[in-house]
């Protein structure tokens, strides 16, 4: 599972770039996207995908699932060796915006999520 970080100064377009270059193509390819980015609209993204590529079919598009920051800390949010029946499943694209709000440097790393940190 690759982990990619978009870093930069505030207001430099990191979230925009992730939506444009990662989330929209993922939905167009049929993937389920789990994200905490506020303001994402699944129907508008799907309409955009269909407008940009006339060969796409609505029923083949992926899903957008919005989560709140607190949900990312739930015991069953990310898969672990002990628990595969979690909110995020194999094949999901998980996009966490402003990750410091969820897993700040002042917080302990939950044992079940330790595989996320390299």
C-alpha atoms as a PDB file:
ATOM      1  CA  UNK A   1       0.000   0.000   0.000  1.00  0.00           C
ATOM      2  CA  UNK A   2       1.771   3.184  -1.125  1.00  0.00           C
ATOM      3  CA  UNK A   3       1.480   6.317   0.965  1.00  0.00           C
ATOM      4  CA  UNK A   4       1.757   9.667  -0.783  1.00  0.00           C
ATOM      5  CA  UNK A   5       1.967  13.014   1.020  1.00  0.00           C
ATOM      6  CA  UNK A   6       1.138  16.353  -0.563  1.00  0.00           C
ATOM      7  CA  UNK A   7       3.006  19.004   1.388  1.00  0.00           C
ATOM      8  CA  UNK A   8       3.320  22.755   1.034  1.00  0.00           C
ATOM      9  CA  UNK A   9       2.549  26.088   2.607  1.00  0.00           C
ATOM     10  CA  UNK A  10      -1.061  26.882   3.556  1.00  0.00           C
ATOM     11  CA  UNK A  11      -3.363  27.818   0.654  1.00  0.00           C
ATOM     12  CA  UNK A  12      -0.956  26.452  -1.968  1.00  0.00           C
ATOM     13  CA  UNK A  13      -3.483  24.099  -3.585  1.00  0.00           C
ATOM     14  CA  UNK A  14      -2.628  20.766  -1.987  1.00  0.00           C
ATOM     15  CA  UNK A  15      -6.255  19.683  -1.532  1.00  0.00           C
ATOM     16  CA  UNK A  16      -7.191  20.894  -5.015  1.00  0.00           C
ATOM     17  CA  UNK A  17      -4.348  18.894  -6.541  1.00  0.00           C
ATOM     18  CA  UNK A  18      -5.395  15.736  -4.689  1.00  0.00           C
ATOM     19  CA  UNK A  19      -8.997  16.109  -5.855  1.00  0.00           C
ATOM     20  CA  UNK A  20      -7.953  16.828  -9.445  1.00  0.00           C
ATOM     21  CA  UNK A  21      -5.155  14.287  -9.808  1.00  0.00           C
ATOM     22  CA  UNK A  22      -6.111  11.509  -7.395  1.00  0.00           C
ATOM     23  CA  UNK A  23      -9.780  11.475  -6.333  1.00  0.00           C
ATOM     24  CA  UNK A  24     -11.465  12.272  -9.664  1.00  0.00           C
ATOM     25  CA  UNK A  25      -9.419   9.685 -11.619  1.00  0.00           C
ATOM     26  CA  UNK A  26     -10.049   7.085  -8.898  1.00  0.00           C
ATOM     27  CA  UNK A  27     -13.817   7.577  -9.055  1.00  0.00           C
ATOM     28  CA  UNK A  28     -13.672   7.525 -12.856  1.00  0.00           C
ATOM     29  CA  UNK A  29     -11.895   4.161 -12.670  1.00  0.00           C
ATOM     30  CA  UNK A  30     -14.501   2.680 -10.325  1.00  0.00           C
ATOM     31  CA  UNK A  31     -12.708   2.875  -6.974  1.00  0.00           C
ATOM     32  CA  UNK A  32     -14.282   3.606  -3.628  1.00  0.00           C
ATOM     33  CA  UNK A  33     -12.766   6.775  -2.148  1.00  0.00           C
ATOM     34  CA  UNK A  34     -12.892   7.495   1.590  1.00  0.00           C
ATOM     35  CA  UNK A  35     -12.033  11.107   2.446  1.00  0.00           C
ATOM     36  CA  UNK A  36     -12.445  13.803   5.067  1.00  0.00           C
ATOM     37  CA  UNK A  37     -12.119  16.678   2.563  1.00  0.00           C
ATOM     38  CA  UNK A  38     -14.965  19.061   3.291  1.00  0.00           C
ATOM     39  CA  UNK A  39     -17.131  20.153   0.386  1.00  0.00           C
ATOM     40  CA  UNK A  40     -16.610  17.156  -1.890  1.00  0.00           C
ATOM     41  CA  UNK A  41     -19.769  16.371  -3.826  1.00  0.00           C
ATOM     42  CA  UNK A  42     -20.018  12.849  -5.197  1.00  0.00           C
ATOM     43  CA  UNK A  43     -22.675  13.689  -7.781  1.00  0.00           C
ATOM     44  CA  UNK A  44     -20.748  16.678  -9.139  1.00  0.00           C
ATOM     45  CA  UNK A  45     -17.579  14.594  -9.417  1.00  0.00           C
ATOM     46  CA  UNK A  46     -19.475  11.855 -11.253  1.00  0.00           C
ATOM     47  CA  UNK A  47     -21.127  14.398 -13.570  1.00  0.00           C
ATOM     48  CA  UNK A  48     -17.688  15.856 -14.318  1.00  0.00           C
ATOM     49  CA  UNK A  49     -16.248  12.403 -15.062  1.00  0.00           C
ATOM     50  CA  UNK A  50     -19.116  11.575 -17.422  1.00  0.00           C
ATOM     51  CA  UNK A  51     -18.799  14.939 -19.175  1.00  0.00           C
ATOM     52  CA  UNK A  52     -15.038  14.528 -19.642  1.00  0.00           C
ATOM     53  CA  UNK A  53     -15.214  10.951 -20.916  1.00  0.00           C
ATOM     54  CA  UNK A  54     -18.325  10.015 -22.887  1.00  0.00           C
ATOM     55  CA  UNK A  55     -17.292   6.333 -22.815  1.00  0.00           C
ATOM     56  CA  UNK A  56     -17.769   6.083 -19.043  1.00  0.00           C
ATOM     57  CA  UNK A  57     -20.982   4.615 -17.672  1.00  0.00           C
ATOM     58  CA  UNK A  58     -22.554   5.992 -14.492  1.00  0.00           C
ATOM     59  CA  UNK A  59     -22.954   2.541 -12.927  1.00  0.00           C
ATOM     60  CA  UNK A  60     -19.235   1.806 -13.385  1.00  0.00           C
ATOM     61  CA  UNK A  61     -18.077   4.902 -11.474  1.00  0.00           C
ATOM     62  CA  UNK A  62     -16.676   4.572  -7.971  1.00  0.00           C
ATOM     63  CA  UNK A  63     -18.149   5.849  -4.737  1.00  0.00           C
ATOM     64  CA  UNK A  64     -17.194   8.780  -2.539  1.00  0.00           C
ATOM     65  CA  UNK A  65     -17.580   8.217   1.189  1.00  0.00           C
ATOM     66  CA  UNK A  66     -17.127  11.266   3.411  1.00  0.00           C
ATOM     67  CA  UNK A  67     -15.791  10.762   6.936  1.00  0.00           C
ATOM     68  CA  UNK A  68     -15.308  13.150   9.820  1.00  0.00           C
ATOM     69  CA  UNK A  69     -11.875  13.503  11.404  1.00  0.00           C
ATOM     70  CA  UNK A  70     -12.994  11.644  14.522  1.00  0.00           C
ATOM     71  CA  UNK A  71     -14.047   8.598  12.511  1.00  0.00           C
ATOM     72  CA  UNK A  72     -10.445   8.156  11.386  1.00  0.00           C
ATOM     73  CA  UNK A  73      -9.551   7.360  14.998  1.00  0.00           C
ATOM     74  CA  UNK A  74     -12.188   4.641  15.394  1.00  0.00           C
ATOM     75  CA  UNK A  75     -10.864   1.179  16.214  1.00  0.00           C
ATOM     76  CA  UNK A  76     -12.446  -0.245  13.068  1.00  0.00           C
ATOM     77  CA  UNK A  77     -11.487   2.520  10.617  1.00  0.00           C
ATOM     78  CA  UNK A  78      -8.314   0.995   9.136  1.00  0.00           C
ATOM     79  CA  UNK A  79      -7.675  -2.713   8.594  1.00  0.00           C
ATOM     80  CA  UNK A  80      -5.235  -4.472  10.877  1.00  0.00           C
ATOM     81  CA  UNK A  81      -3.797  -7.963  11.124  1.00  0.00           C
ATOM     82  CA  UNK A  82      -6.362  -8.713  13.830  1.00  0.00           C
ATOM     83  CA  UNK A  83      -9.377  -7.108  12.132  1.00  0.00           C
ATOM     84  CA  UNK A  84     -10.146  -7.163   8.424  1.00  0.00           C
ATOM     85  CA  UNK A  85     -13.839  -6.217   8.905  1.00  0.00           C
ATOM     86  CA  UNK A  86     -13.216  -2.484   8.998  1.00  0.00           C
ATOM     87  CA  UNK A  87     -14.708   0.683   7.539  1.00  0.00           C
ATOM     88  CA  UNK A  88     -11.888   0.997   5.000  1.00  0.00           C
ATOM     89  CA  UNK A  89     -11.512  -2.103   2.864  1.00  0.00           C
ATOM     90  CA  UNK A  90      -8.926  -3.497   0.485  1.00  0.00           C
ATOM     91  CA  UNK A  91      -8.868  -1.433  -2.698  1.00  0.00           C
ATOM     92  CA  UNK A  92     -10.203   1.738  -1.079  1.00  0.00           C
ATOM     93  CA  UNK A  93      -8.394   4.983  -1.740  1.00  0.00           C
ATOM     94  CA  UNK A  94      -8.135   6.738   1.630  1.00  0.00           C
ATOM     95  CA  UNK A  95      -7.485  10.491   1.420  1.00  0.00           C
ATOM     96  CA  UNK A  96      -6.962  12.304   4.718  1.00  0.00           C
ATOM     97  CA  UNK A  97      -6.760  16.090   4.435  1.00  0.00           C
ATOM     98  CA  UNK A  98      -5.016  18.059   7.185  1.00  0.00           C
ATOM     99  CA  UNK A  99      -3.719  14.813   8.646  1.00  0.00           C
ATOM    100  CA  UNK A 100      -2.246  16.645  11.632  1.00  0.00           C
ATOM    101  CA  UNK A 101      -5.803  17.139  12.902  1.00  0.00           C
ATOM    102  CA  UNK A 102      -6.290  13.383  13.000  1.00  0.00           C
ATOM    103  CA  UNK A 103      -2.849  12.053  13.942  1.00  0.00           C
ATOM    104  CA  UNK A 104      -0.966  14.988  15.430  1.00  0.00           C
ATOM    105  CA  UNK A 105       2.612  14.688  16.642  1.00  0.00           C
ATOM    106  CA  UNK A 106       1.378  15.075  20.225  1.00  0.00           C
ATOM    107  CA  UNK A 107      -0.749  11.908  20.017  1.00  0.00           C
ATOM    108  CA  UNK A 108       0.261   8.320  20.597  1.00  0.00           C
ATOM    109  CA  UNK A 109       0.162   6.062  17.570  1.00  0.00           C
ATOM    110  CA  UNK A 110      -2.600   3.509  18.086  1.00  0.00           C
ATOM    111  CA  UNK A 111      -1.135   0.001  18.013  1.00  0.00           C
ATOM    112  CA  UNK A 112      -3.588  -1.086  15.319  1.00  0.00           C
ATOM    113  CA  UNK A 113      -2.560   1.830  13.054  1.00  0.00           C
ATOM    114  CA  UNK A 114       1.178   1.485  13.469  1.00  0.00           C
ATOM    115  CA  UNK A 115       1.529   0.024   9.978  1.00  0.00           C
ATOM    116  CA  UNK A 116       0.544   3.435   8.564  1.00  0.00           C
ATOM    117  CA  UNK A 117       3.669   5.096   9.949  1.00  0.00           C
ATOM    118  CA  UNK A 118       6.912   4.383   8.135  1.00  0.00           C
END
